[in-house]
Amino acid sequence: ESFFWCMLHSGDWKPDEEHGEYFVDRSAIVFPLILESLRQQQPVPTEHLSKFEVGMLKKDVDFYGLTKLFANTELIGQPSPAGLVWVRHTSEIGGIRFTNNNQTAMFEPGESFARAYALTAPLNTMTNNTTSLRWKVTRTSLQDIDQSYLVIQPADATTPQACLRFQGKTSTIECEFNPATNKVTLKSENLTTETDLTDWKITNPVCGVRVSGRLLSAIEFQITQF
């Protein structure tokens, strides 16, 4: 029996009285993938997942007691293609999709965004302790009235510790993460910032783009490693 069968039949697992919802204290990143796989009885596609997220998926499949169910499937596949790509997003209203092998994050027009994010896997999973990771993010938009930033923040939070605003309808920010010093440098057309992540006790930084405001047209963020 799986985790869910045992908990639901034990009589000890009760839903929240106010909302009638069950609480599971596990990763919210991979749970939707497992749930959709159970619904469709299909393997979880993992080509868009980072090595970090594949590891999380393996742990949670084991935790939920679903290893036997998925034993003969391709649930645990290969990590995402080499290079830094967008792997997840946070947005209460949706409206964000990944294209171009997850190198492009598109924020679609419509409702107002309140700090919606597109995020990468942790940067330190892409490099070793001596090699710096360098990449750039290019923003393309028909409008310039939104608030959009490139941010560096912990993988498990949405509080940026380093950020730089995109200026103009087409704008590029270059980034460098040095794992040896745990410092990140952000460079736009007219500004350069350096942040020591050790000061903020950040050991698993991710790169992200944050958008706030009402979008009249789509905004694309293209991420390229170099």
Protein backbone atom coordinates (compact mmCIF):
# COMPACT_ATOMS: atom_id res chain seq x y z
CA GLU A 1 0.00 0.00 0.00
CA SER A 2 1.10 3.54 -0.70
CA PHE A 3 1.54 6.40 1.76
CA PHE A 4 -1.86 7.80 0.76
CA TRP A 5 -3.71 4.49 1.18
CA CYS A 6 -2.23 3.96 4.64
CA MET A 7 -2.92 7.51 5.83
CA LEU A 8 -6.47 7.69 4.49
CA HIS A 9 -7.43 4.29 5.90
CA SER A 10 -5.79 4.82 9.28
CA GLY A 11 -8.41 7.32 10.41
CA ASP A 12 -5.67 9.51 11.88
CA TRP A 13 -5.19 11.79 8.87
CA LYS A 14 -7.89 14.43 8.96
CA PRO A 15 -8.53 17.24 6.46
CA ASP A 16 -8.31 20.87 7.47
CA GLU A 17 -11.66 21.80 9.04
CA GLU A 18 -11.85 25.20 7.34
CA HIS A 19 -10.99 24.20 3.77
CA GLY A 20 -11.35 20.40 3.77
CA GLU A 21 -7.78 20.01 2.49
CA TYR A 22 -5.13 17.44 3.43
CA PHE A 23 -1.65 18.72 4.28
CA VAL A 24 1.45 16.89 3.02
CA ASP A 25 4.79 18.29 4.16
CA ARG A 26 6.77 17.39 1.05
CA SER A 27 8.18 19.21 -1.96
CA ALA A 28 5.61 21.27 -3.86
CA ILE A 29 7.89 21.19 -6.91
CA VAL A 30 7.64 17.48 -7.75
CA PHE A 31 4.27 16.61 -6.18
CA PRO A 32 2.21 17.91 -9.17
CA LEU A 33 4.32 15.70 -11.45
CA ILE A 34 3.66 12.60 -9.35
CA LEU A 35 -0.05 13.43 -9.09
CA GLU A 36 -0.41 13.91 -12.85
CA SER A 37 1.44 10.65 -13.46
CA LEU A 38 -1.01 8.84 -11.19
CA ARG A 39 -3.97 10.43 -12.99
CA GLN A 40 -2.72 9.56 -16.46
CA GLN A 41 -0.93 6.31 -15.56
CA GLN A 42 1.98 7.62 -17.57
CA PRO A 43 5.66 8.15 -16.69
CA VAL A 44 6.67 11.56 -15.44
CA PRO A 45 8.51 13.44 -18.22
CA THR A 46 11.88 14.42 -16.76
CA GLU A 47 13.62 16.04 -19.72
CA HIS A 48 12.80 19.47 -18.28
CA LEU A 49 14.00 18.63 -14.76
CA SER A 50 17.39 19.47 -13.32
CA LYS A 51 19.61 16.89 -11.64
CA PHE A 52 18.59 18.42 -8.30
CA GLU A 53 14.87 17.96 -9.06
CA VAL A 54 15.33 14.39 -10.33
CA GLY A 55 16.92 13.62 -6.96
CA MET A 56 13.93 15.16 -5.18
CA LEU A 57 11.60 13.11 -7.37
CA LYS A 58 13.38 9.87 -6.48
CA LYS A 59 13.14 10.63 -2.75
CA ASP A 60 9.46 11.51 -2.88
CA VAL A 61 8.48 8.49 -4.99
CA ASP A 62 10.12 6.36 -2.30
CA PHE A 63 8.46 8.36 0.51
CA TYR A 64 5.00 7.92 -1.00
CA GLY A 65 5.57 4.19 -1.40
CA LEU A 66 5.11 4.34 -5.17
CA THR A 67 8.36 2.69 -6.23
CA LYS A 68 6.60 -0.60 -7.07
CA LEU A 69 3.99 1.20 -9.14
CA PHE A 70 6.65 2.99 -11.18
CA ALA A 71 9.25 0.22 -11.15
CA ASN A 72 8.76 -0.67 -14.84
CA THR A 73 8.32 2.84 -16.17
CA GLU A 74 10.61 5.67 -17.15
CA LEU A 75 9.51 7.76 -14.19
CA ILE A 76 13.07 8.36 -13.12
CA GLY A 77 14.60 9.53 -16.35
CA GLN A 78 17.56 11.61 -17.29
CA PRO A 79 18.16 15.13 -15.97
CA SER A 80 17.52 18.13 -18.13
CA PRO A 81 19.80 18.94 -21.08
CA ALA A 82 23.18 20.45 -20.29
CA GLY A 83 23.13 24.13 -19.57
CA LEU A 84 21.19 26.52 -17.40
CA VAL A 85 17.46 26.54 -18.21
CA TRP A 86 14.18 27.57 -16.58
CA VAL A 87 12.78 24.63 -14.61
CA ARG A 88 9.87 25.98 -12.58
CA HIS A 89 7.75 29.04 -11.93
CA THR A 90 5.60 30.55 -9.21
CA SER A 91 2.49 32.51 -10.10
CA GLU A 92 -0.91 32.58 -8.46
CA ILE A 93 -2.66 33.23 -11.78
CA GLY A 94 -0.56 31.02 -14.04
CA GLY A 95 0.21 32.72 -17.33
CA ILE A 96 3.85 31.53 -17.53
CA ARG A 97 5.07 28.87 -19.92
CA PHE A 98 8.45 27.56 -21.01
CA THR A 99 9.44 27.09 -24.65
CA ASN A 100 12.58 26.54 -26.72
CA ASN A 101 13.76 23.58 -24.62
CA ASN A 102 13.05 25.57 -21.46
CA GLN A 103 15.46 28.33 -22.42
CA THR A 104 12.61 30.83 -22.86
CA ALA A 105 10.16 31.84 -20.15
CA MET A 106 7.10 33.60 -21.58
CA PHE A 107 4.88 35.72 -19.34
CA GLU A 108 1.57 35.98 -21.14
CA PRO A 109 -0.63 39.11 -21.15
CA GLY A 110 -3.81 39.36 -19.12
CA GLU A 111 -4.21 39.64 -15.39
CA SER A 112 -1.81 41.60 -13.24
CA PHE A 113 1.18 39.69 -11.92
CA ALA A 114 2.18 40.11 -8.30
CA ARG A 115 5.81 39.05 -8.08
CA ALA A 116 5.59 36.06 -10.43
CA TYR A 117 8.84 34.16 -10.91
CA ALA A 118 10.52 31.91 -13.44
CA LEU A 119 13.39 30.06 -11.74
CA THR A 120 16.36 27.86 -12.58
CA ALA A 121 17.73 24.89 -10.71
CA PRO A 122 20.26 25.74 -7.97
CA LEU A 123 23.35 27.25 -9.55
CA ASN A 124 25.77 25.12 -7.56
CA THR A 125 24.39 21.97 -9.23
CA MET A 126 25.67 23.30 -12.56
CA THR A 127 29.28 23.75 -11.59
CA ASN A 128 31.99 22.52 -9.23
CA ASN A 129 33.87 24.36 -6.50
CA THR A 130 36.42 25.93 -8.84
CA THR A 131 34.60 26.73 -12.09
CA SER A 132 32.52 29.87 -12.36
CA LEU A 133 29.12 29.73 -14.02
CA ARG A 134 28.42 32.49 -16.54
CA TRP A 135 25.13 33.20 -18.28
CA LYS A 136 22.97 36.00 -19.59
CA VAL A 137 19.25 36.69 -19.66
CA THR A 138 17.71 38.77 -22.44
CA ARG A 139 14.31 40.36 -21.98
CA THR A 140 12.14 41.10 -25.04
CA SER A 141 8.87 42.98 -24.78
CA LEU A 142 6.67 45.39 -26.73
CA GLN A 143 6.06 47.43 -23.59
CA ASP A 144 8.19 49.02 -20.90
CA ILE A 145 5.69 49.73 -18.16
CA ASP A 146 6.08 46.52 -16.16
CA GLN A 147 8.49 45.90 -13.31
CA SER A 148 10.84 43.07 -14.27
CA TYR A 149 14.03 42.07 -12.51
CA LEU A 150 16.71 39.42 -12.63
CA VAL A 151 17.07 37.99 -9.11
CA ILE A 152 19.33 35.64 -7.17
CA GLN A 153 17.66 33.99 -4.18
CA PRO A 154 17.52 30.77 -2.11
CA ALA A 155 15.98 27.79 -3.88
CA ASP A 156 13.38 27.35 -1.13
CA ALA A 157 12.27 30.99 -0.80
CA THR A 158 11.05 33.93 -2.87
CA THR A 159 13.07 36.66 -1.18
CA PRO A 160 15.76 37.92 -3.57
CA GLN A 161 19.14 38.81 -2.08
CA ALA A 162 20.52 40.26 -5.31
CA CYS A 163 18.55 41.85 -8.13
CA LEU A 164 18.91 44.11 -11.13
CA ARG A 165 16.08 45.70 -13.10
CA PHE A 166 15.67 45.18 -16.85
CA GLN A 167 15.62 48.56 -18.60
CA GLY A 168 14.00 49.14 -21.99
CA LYS A 169 12.01 46.89 -24.29
CA THR A 170 15.07 44.78 -25.09
CA SER A 171 17.58 44.40 -22.31
CA THR A 172 20.32 41.91 -21.36
CA ILE A 173 21.81 41.19 -17.96
CA GLU A 174 25.03 39.17 -17.72
CA CYS A 175 25.61 37.07 -14.61
CA GLU A 176 28.49 35.18 -13.04
CA PHE A 177 28.41 32.88 -10.02
CA ASN A 178 31.73 31.97 -8.41
CA PRO A 179 31.22 28.90 -6.16
CA ALA A 180 34.69 29.26 -4.65
CA THR A 181 33.83 32.65 -3.15
CA ASN A 182 30.01 32.21 -3.15
CA LYS A 183 29.71 35.58 -4.88
CA VAL A 184 27.43 36.54 -7.76
CA THR A 185 27.97 39.44 -10.16
CA LEU A 186 25.15 41.01 -12.18
CA LYS A 187 25.95 43.38 -15.03
CA SER A 188 23.47 45.38 -17.11
CA GLU A 189 24.07 48.02 -19.78
CA ASN A 190 24.85 50.67 -17.19
CA LEU A 191 25.22 49.02 -13.79
CA THR A 192 27.26 46.24 -12.15
CA THR A 193 26.59 44.74 -8.72
CA GLU A 194 28.42 42.08 -6.70
CA THR A 195 26.80 40.20 -3.83
CA ASP A 196 28.45 37.89 -1.32
CA LEU A 197 25.86 35.17 -0.76
CA THR A 198 27.72 33.95 2.34
CA ASP A 199 26.64 37.13 4.11
CA TRP A 200 23.03 36.03 3.53
CA LYS A 201 23.75 32.40 4.46
CA ILE A 202 22.62 31.23 1.00
CA THR A 203 24.11 27.87 0.02
CA ASN A 204 21.68 26.86 -2.75
CA PRO A 205 21.16 29.98 -4.89
CA VAL A 206 18.91 29.99 -7.95
CA CYS A 207 18.61 32.53 -10.73
CA GLY A 208 15.20 33.90 -11.56
CA VAL A 209 13.24 36.63 -13.30
CA ARG A 210 10.49 38.44 -11.44
CA VAL A 211 7.62 40.30 -13.09
CA SER A 212 5.09 42.57 -11.44
CA GLY A 213 2.34 44.61 -13.06
CA ARG A 214 -0.34 44.28 -15.71
CA LEU A 215 0.96 42.94 -19.01
CA LEU A 216 -0.49 44.36 -22.23
CA SER A 217 1.70 42.07 -24.32
CA ALA A 218 3.83 38.99 -23.72
CA ILE A 219 7.31 39.24 -22.23
CA GLU A 220 10.03 36.71 -23.05
CA PHE A 221 13.16 35.98 -21.02
CA GLN A 222 15.80 34.00 -22.89
CA ILE A 223 18.51 32.38 -20.78
CA THR A 224 21.86 31.50 -22.38
CA GLN A 225 24.93 29.98 -20.75
CA PHE A 226 28.38 30.98 -22.00
